[in-house]
Amino acid sequence: MSCRYEPDEWTPDGRVILSDENLDAIRKTLEDVGAVIVEHRFYRGSRSPDRFVFDDFDDFLEYVNGRSRPGDAFYIWSFEELCKDENTLAHGKYPDADGCVPKRGSY
């Protein structure tokens, strides 16, 4: 059973997440830079995207091959290049029962 909606103009020349070029870029980033952020958009799924952070190429590939359907789209960013202390939306520590948090820590 095909999930194609032909007016979407399916083509063999489109961008494929499993292309050598894409996989090489993802693998190189994971090896040389650090984790990647993955947004999985579902083809005609009428649902919001799922978002994950991967730090292992095999885990990423297992997710894509096991949880994707034809037409799903993936957007991938380098976590290390985007997520910096100076551009956080919010940050803080989880309090104990007295509402106290440590001023310092091992992080």
N, C-alpha and C. Protein backbone atom coordinates (compact mmCIF):
# COMPACT_ATOMS: atom_id res chain seq x y z
N MET A 1 0.84 -1.17 0.00
CA MET A 1 0.00 0.00 0.00
C MET A 1 0.89 1.24 0.00
N SER A 2 0.67 2.13 -0.94
CA SER A 2 1.46 3.34 -1.07
C SER A 2 0.89 4.45 -0.20
N CYS A 3 1.77 5.25 0.37
CA CYS A 3 1.32 6.40 1.16
C CYS A 3 1.50 7.68 0.36
N ARG A 4 1.83 7.56 -0.91
CA ARG A 4 2.06 8.73 -1.74
C ARG A 4 0.77 9.49 -2.03
N TYR A 5 0.89 10.79 -1.93
CA TYR A 5 -0.16 11.67 -2.42
C TYR A 5 0.45 12.33 -3.65
N GLU A 6 0.05 11.85 -4.81
CA GLU A 6 0.72 12.22 -6.06
C GLU A 6 0.80 13.72 -6.32
N PRO A 7 -0.17 14.55 -5.91
CA PRO A 7 0.00 15.99 -6.10
C PRO A 7 1.22 16.58 -5.37
N ASP A 8 1.82 15.83 -4.44
CA ASP A 8 3.04 16.29 -3.76
C ASP A 8 4.28 16.13 -4.62
N GLU A 9 4.14 15.62 -5.82
CA GLU A 9 5.22 15.52 -6.81
C GLU A 9 6.41 14.69 -6.30
N TRP A 10 6.19 13.44 -5.99
CA TRP A 10 7.25 12.53 -5.58
C TRP A 10 8.28 12.41 -6.70
N THR A 11 9.56 12.40 -6.34
CA THR A 11 10.63 12.35 -7.34
C THR A 11 11.83 11.58 -6.80
N PRO A 12 12.58 10.90 -7.67
CA PRO A 12 13.80 10.24 -7.21
C PRO A 12 14.96 11.22 -7.03
N ASP A 13 14.75 12.49 -7.42
CA ASP A 13 15.81 13.50 -7.37
C ASP A 13 15.74 14.38 -6.13
N GLY A 14 14.86 14.08 -5.19
CA GLY A 14 14.72 14.92 -4.00
C GLY A 14 15.81 14.67 -2.96
N ARG A 15 15.80 15.48 -1.91
CA ARG A 15 16.76 15.33 -0.82
C ARG A 15 16.37 14.13 0.04
N VAL A 16 17.29 13.21 0.20
CA VAL A 16 17.06 11.98 0.96
C VAL A 16 17.92 12.01 2.22
N ILE A 17 17.31 11.85 3.38
CA ILE A 17 18.06 11.91 4.63
C ILE A 17 19.13 10.84 4.71
N LEU A 18 18.91 9.71 4.03
CA LEU A 18 19.89 8.62 4.07
C LEU A 18 20.94 8.70 2.96
N SER A 19 21.05 9.85 2.30
CA SER A 19 22.09 10.00 1.27
C SER A 19 23.47 9.95 1.93
N ASP A 20 24.45 9.54 1.18
CA ASP A 20 25.82 9.49 1.70
C ASP A 20 26.25 10.86 2.21
N GLU A 21 25.90 11.91 1.48
CA GLU A 21 26.28 13.27 1.86
C GLU A 21 25.71 13.64 3.23
N ASN A 22 24.42 13.38 3.43
CA ASN A 22 23.80 13.70 4.72
C ASN A 22 24.37 12.84 5.85
N LEU A 23 24.47 11.54 5.61
CA LEU A 23 24.98 10.66 6.66
C LEU A 23 26.42 10.98 7.02
N ASP A 24 27.24 11.32 6.03
CA ASP A 24 28.63 11.70 6.31
C ASP A 24 28.69 12.97 7.17
N ALA A 25 27.85 13.96 6.85
CA ALA A 25 27.84 15.20 7.63
C ALA A 25 27.40 14.95 9.07
N ILE A 26 26.40 14.12 9.24
CA ILE A 26 25.91 13.80 10.59
C ILE A 26 26.96 13.02 11.36
N ARG A 27 27.54 12.02 10.74
CA ARG A 27 28.57 11.20 11.39
C ARG A 27 29.77 12.07 11.79
N LYS A 28 30.21 12.93 10.89
CA LYS A 28 31.37 13.80 11.16
C LYS A 28 31.08 14.75 12.32
N THR A 29 29.88 15.32 12.35
CA THR A 29 29.52 16.21 13.45
C THR A 29 29.50 15.46 14.77
N LEU A 30 28.92 14.27 14.78
CA LEU A 30 28.89 13.48 16.01
C LEU A 30 30.28 13.10 16.48
N GLU A 31 31.17 12.80 15.57
CA GLU A 31 32.53 12.40 15.93
C GLU A 31 33.40 13.59 16.33
N ASP A 32 33.28 14.71 15.62
CA ASP A 32 34.21 15.83 15.79
C ASP A 32 33.70 16.97 16.66
N VAL A 33 32.40 17.14 16.73
CA VAL A 33 31.83 18.30 17.41
C VAL A 33 31.02 17.91 18.63
N GLY A 34 30.08 16.99 18.46
CA GLY A 34 29.23 16.56 19.57
C GLY A 34 27.84 16.21 19.08
N ALA A 35 26.89 16.27 19.97
CA ALA A 35 25.52 15.82 19.74
C ALA A 35 24.83 16.60 18.62
N VAL A 36 23.77 15.97 18.07
CA VAL A 36 22.93 16.63 17.08
C VAL A 36 21.49 16.67 17.58
N ILE A 37 20.79 17.71 17.19
CA ILE A 37 19.36 17.85 17.47
C ILE A 37 18.63 17.39 16.22
N VAL A 38 17.66 16.52 16.39
CA VAL A 38 16.91 15.98 15.26
C VAL A 38 15.44 16.34 15.43
N GLU A 39 14.88 16.94 14.39
CA GLU A 39 13.44 17.19 14.35
C GLU A 39 12.85 16.29 13.27
N HIS A 40 11.94 15.43 13.67
CA HIS A 40 11.30 14.47 12.78
C HIS A 40 9.90 14.98 12.48
N ARG A 41 9.68 15.41 11.23
CA ARG A 41 8.38 15.91 10.80
C ARG A 41 7.67 14.81 10.03
N PHE A 42 6.43 14.55 10.38
CA PHE A 42 5.69 13.42 9.84
C PHE A 42 4.90 13.81 8.58
N TYR A 43 5.14 13.06 7.52
CA TYR A 43 4.48 13.32 6.25
C TYR A 43 2.98 13.15 6.37
N ARG A 44 2.27 14.24 6.13
CA ARG A 44 0.80 14.24 6.17
C ARG A 44 0.27 13.55 7.44
N GLY A 45 1.00 13.72 8.53
CA GLY A 45 0.65 13.02 9.76
C GLY A 45 -0.29 13.76 10.68
N SER A 46 -0.55 15.03 10.39
CA SER A 46 -1.44 15.83 11.23
C SER A 46 -1.04 15.76 12.70
N ARG A 47 0.24 15.86 12.95
CA ARG A 47 0.73 15.87 14.32
C ARG A 47 2.00 16.71 14.38
N SER A 48 2.33 17.16 15.54
CA SER A 48 3.52 17.98 15.68
C SER A 48 4.77 17.11 15.57
N PRO A 49 5.90 17.73 15.22
CA PRO A 49 7.14 16.97 15.08
C PRO A 49 7.63 16.41 16.42
N ASP A 50 8.41 15.35 16.33
CA ASP A 50 9.16 14.84 17.48
C ASP A 50 10.55 15.43 17.42
N ARG A 51 11.14 15.67 18.58
CA ARG A 51 12.49 16.24 18.63
C ARG A 51 13.33 15.41 19.61
N PHE A 52 14.56 15.16 19.19
CA PHE A 52 15.48 14.34 19.98
C PHE A 52 16.89 14.91 19.89
N VAL A 53 17.71 14.53 20.84
CA VAL A 53 19.15 14.81 20.78
C VAL A 53 19.85 13.46 20.74
N PHE A 54 20.73 13.29 19.76
CA PHE A 54 21.50 12.06 19.62
C PHE A 54 22.98 12.38 19.76
N ASP A 55 23.71 11.50 20.45
CA ASP A 55 25.16 11.64 20.51
C ASP A 55 25.86 10.39 19.98
N ASP A 56 25.09 9.50 19.37
CA ASP A 56 25.65 8.27 18.81
C ASP A 56 25.04 8.05 17.42
N PHE A 57 25.90 7.86 16.43
CA PHE A 57 25.45 7.70 15.05
C PHE A 57 24.56 6.47 14.88
N ASP A 58 24.94 5.35 15.48
CA ASP A 58 24.14 4.13 15.34
C ASP A 58 22.75 4.29 15.95
N ASP A 59 22.64 5.00 17.07
CA ASP A 59 21.33 5.27 17.68
C ASP A 59 20.48 6.14 16.75
N PHE A 60 21.11 7.15 16.16
CA PHE A 60 20.41 8.01 15.22
C PHE A 60 19.88 7.19 14.04
N LEU A 61 20.75 6.38 13.44
CA LEU A 61 20.38 5.59 12.28
C LEU A 61 19.29 4.57 12.64
N GLU A 62 19.38 3.97 13.80
CA GLU A 62 18.35 3.03 14.24
C GLU A 62 17.00 3.73 14.36
N TYR A 63 17.00 4.94 14.91
CA TYR A 63 15.75 5.69 15.02
C TYR A 63 15.18 5.99 13.63
N VAL A 64 15.99 6.54 12.75
CA VAL A 64 15.51 6.92 11.42
C VAL A 64 14.98 5.70 10.66
N ASN A 65 15.72 4.62 10.66
CA ASN A 65 15.29 3.43 9.93
C ASN A 65 14.11 2.71 10.58
N GLY A 66 13.96 2.84 11.87
CA GLY A 66 12.91 2.12 12.57
C GLY A 66 11.63 2.90 12.81
N ARG A 67 11.70 4.22 12.77
CA ARG A 67 10.54 5.03 13.14
C ARG A 67 10.02 5.92 12.02
N SER A 68 10.58 5.80 10.82
CA SER A 68 10.22 6.68 9.72
C SER A 68 9.30 6.00 8.73
N ARG A 69 8.54 6.83 8.05
CA ARG A 69 7.70 6.37 6.94
C ARG A 69 8.06 7.20 5.73
N PRO A 70 7.85 6.67 4.53
CA PRO A 70 8.18 7.44 3.33
C PRO A 70 7.54 8.82 3.36
N GLY A 71 8.34 9.82 3.04
CA GLY A 71 7.88 11.19 3.01
C GLY A 71 8.15 11.97 4.27
N ASP A 72 8.48 11.30 5.39
CA ASP A 72 8.82 12.02 6.61
C ASP A 72 10.05 12.89 6.34
N ALA A 73 10.09 14.04 6.99
CA ALA A 73 11.20 14.97 6.81
C ALA A 73 12.02 15.07 8.10
N PHE A 74 13.31 15.27 7.94
CA PHE A 74 14.21 15.41 9.08
C PHE A 74 15.02 16.69 8.93
N TYR A 75 15.08 17.45 10.01
CA TYR A 75 15.93 18.63 10.09
C TYR A 75 16.90 18.37 11.22
N ILE A 76 18.17 18.62 10.97
CA ILE A 76 19.21 18.26 11.94
C ILE A 76 20.17 19.43 12.13
N TRP A 77 20.46 19.72 13.40
CA TRP A 77 21.37 20.80 13.75
C TRP A 77 22.44 20.29 14.71
N SER A 78 23.56 20.96 14.74
CA SER A 78 24.61 20.67 15.70
C SER A 78 24.23 21.29 17.05
N PHE A 79 24.08 20.46 18.05
CA PHE A 79 23.75 20.93 19.39
C PHE A 79 24.81 21.91 19.89
N GLU A 80 26.08 21.55 19.73
CA GLU A 80 27.19 22.34 20.26
C GLU A 80 27.27 23.72 19.61
N GLU A 81 26.90 23.83 18.34
CA GLU A 81 26.98 25.11 17.65
C GLU A 81 25.80 26.02 17.98
N LEU A 82 24.68 25.44 18.39
CA LEU A 82 23.48 26.23 18.66
C LEU A 82 23.23 26.50 20.13
N CYS A 83 23.51 25.56 20.97
CA CYS A 83 23.14 25.64 22.38
C CYS A 83 24.33 26.12 23.21
N LYS A 84 24.35 27.41 23.47
CA LYS A 84 25.43 28.03 24.24
C LYS A 84 24.87 28.60 25.53
N ASP A 85 25.70 28.69 26.56
CA ASP A 85 25.26 29.28 27.82
C ASP A 85 24.73 30.70 27.63
N GLU A 86 25.35 31.46 26.72
CA GLU A 86 24.97 32.86 26.55
C GLU A 86 23.65 33.07 25.79
N ASN A 87 23.07 32.02 25.20
CA ASN A 87 21.79 32.22 24.50
C ASN A 87 20.66 31.34 25.06
N THR A 88 20.78 30.97 26.34
CA THR A 88 19.72 30.16 26.95
C THR A 88 18.45 31.00 27.13
N LEU A 89 17.34 30.36 27.02
CA LEU A 89 16.05 30.99 27.27
C LEU A 89 15.83 31.13 28.78
N ALA A 90 16.19 30.11 29.50
CA ALA A 90 16.07 30.10 30.96
C ALA A 90 17.07 29.08 31.49
N HIS A 91 17.45 29.24 32.74
CA HIS A 91 18.27 28.21 33.37
C HIS A 91 18.10 28.33 34.88
N GLY A 92 18.35 27.25 35.56
CA GLY A 92 18.22 27.22 37.00
C GLY A 92 18.46 25.81 37.50
N LYS A 93 18.40 25.65 38.80
CA LYS A 93 18.64 24.36 39.43
C LYS A 93 17.37 23.92 40.14
N TYR A 94 17.20 22.63 40.24
CA TYR A 94 16.02 22.08 40.91
C TYR A 94 16.22 22.16 42.42
N PRO A 95 15.25 22.71 43.14
CA PRO A 95 15.42 22.90 44.59
C PRO A 95 15.17 21.64 45.41
N ASP A 96 15.72 21.65 46.61
CA ASP A 96 15.44 20.56 47.55
C ASP A 96 14.13 20.86 48.28
N ALA A 97 13.80 20.06 49.28
CA ALA A 97 12.52 20.21 50.00
C ALA A 97 12.40 21.57 50.69
N ASP A 98 13.54 22.21 51.02
CA ASP A 98 13.52 23.51 51.67
C ASP A 98 13.52 24.68 50.67
N GLY A 99 13.55 24.34 49.38
CA GLY A 99 13.57 25.38 48.35
C GLY A 99 14.97 25.92 48.07
N CYS A 100 15.99 25.23 48.56
CA CYS A 100 17.38 25.69 48.39
C CYS A 100 18.04 25.01 47.20
N VAL A 101 18.96 25.75 46.56
CA VAL A 101 19.77 25.20 45.46
C VAL A 101 21.23 25.53 45.75
N PRO A 102 22.17 24.72 45.23
CA PRO A 102 23.58 25.00 45.47
C PRO A 102 24.07 26.18 44.63
N LYS A 103 24.97 26.98 45.20
CA LYS A 103 25.59 28.07 44.44
C LYS A 103 26.64 27.53 43.48
N ARG A 104 27.23 26.40 43.82
CA ARG A 104 28.27 25.81 42.99
C ARG A 104 27.87 24.37 42.66
N GLY A 105 28.67 23.72 41.87
CA GLY A 105 28.41 22.32 41.54
C GLY A 105 29.54 21.78 40.68
N SER A 106 29.48 20.52 40.39
CA SER A 106 30.55 19.89 39.62
C SER A 106 30.33 20.00 38.12
N TYR A 107 29.45 20.85 37.68
CA TYR A 107 29.17 21.00 36.27
C TYR A 107 29.76 22.24 35.77
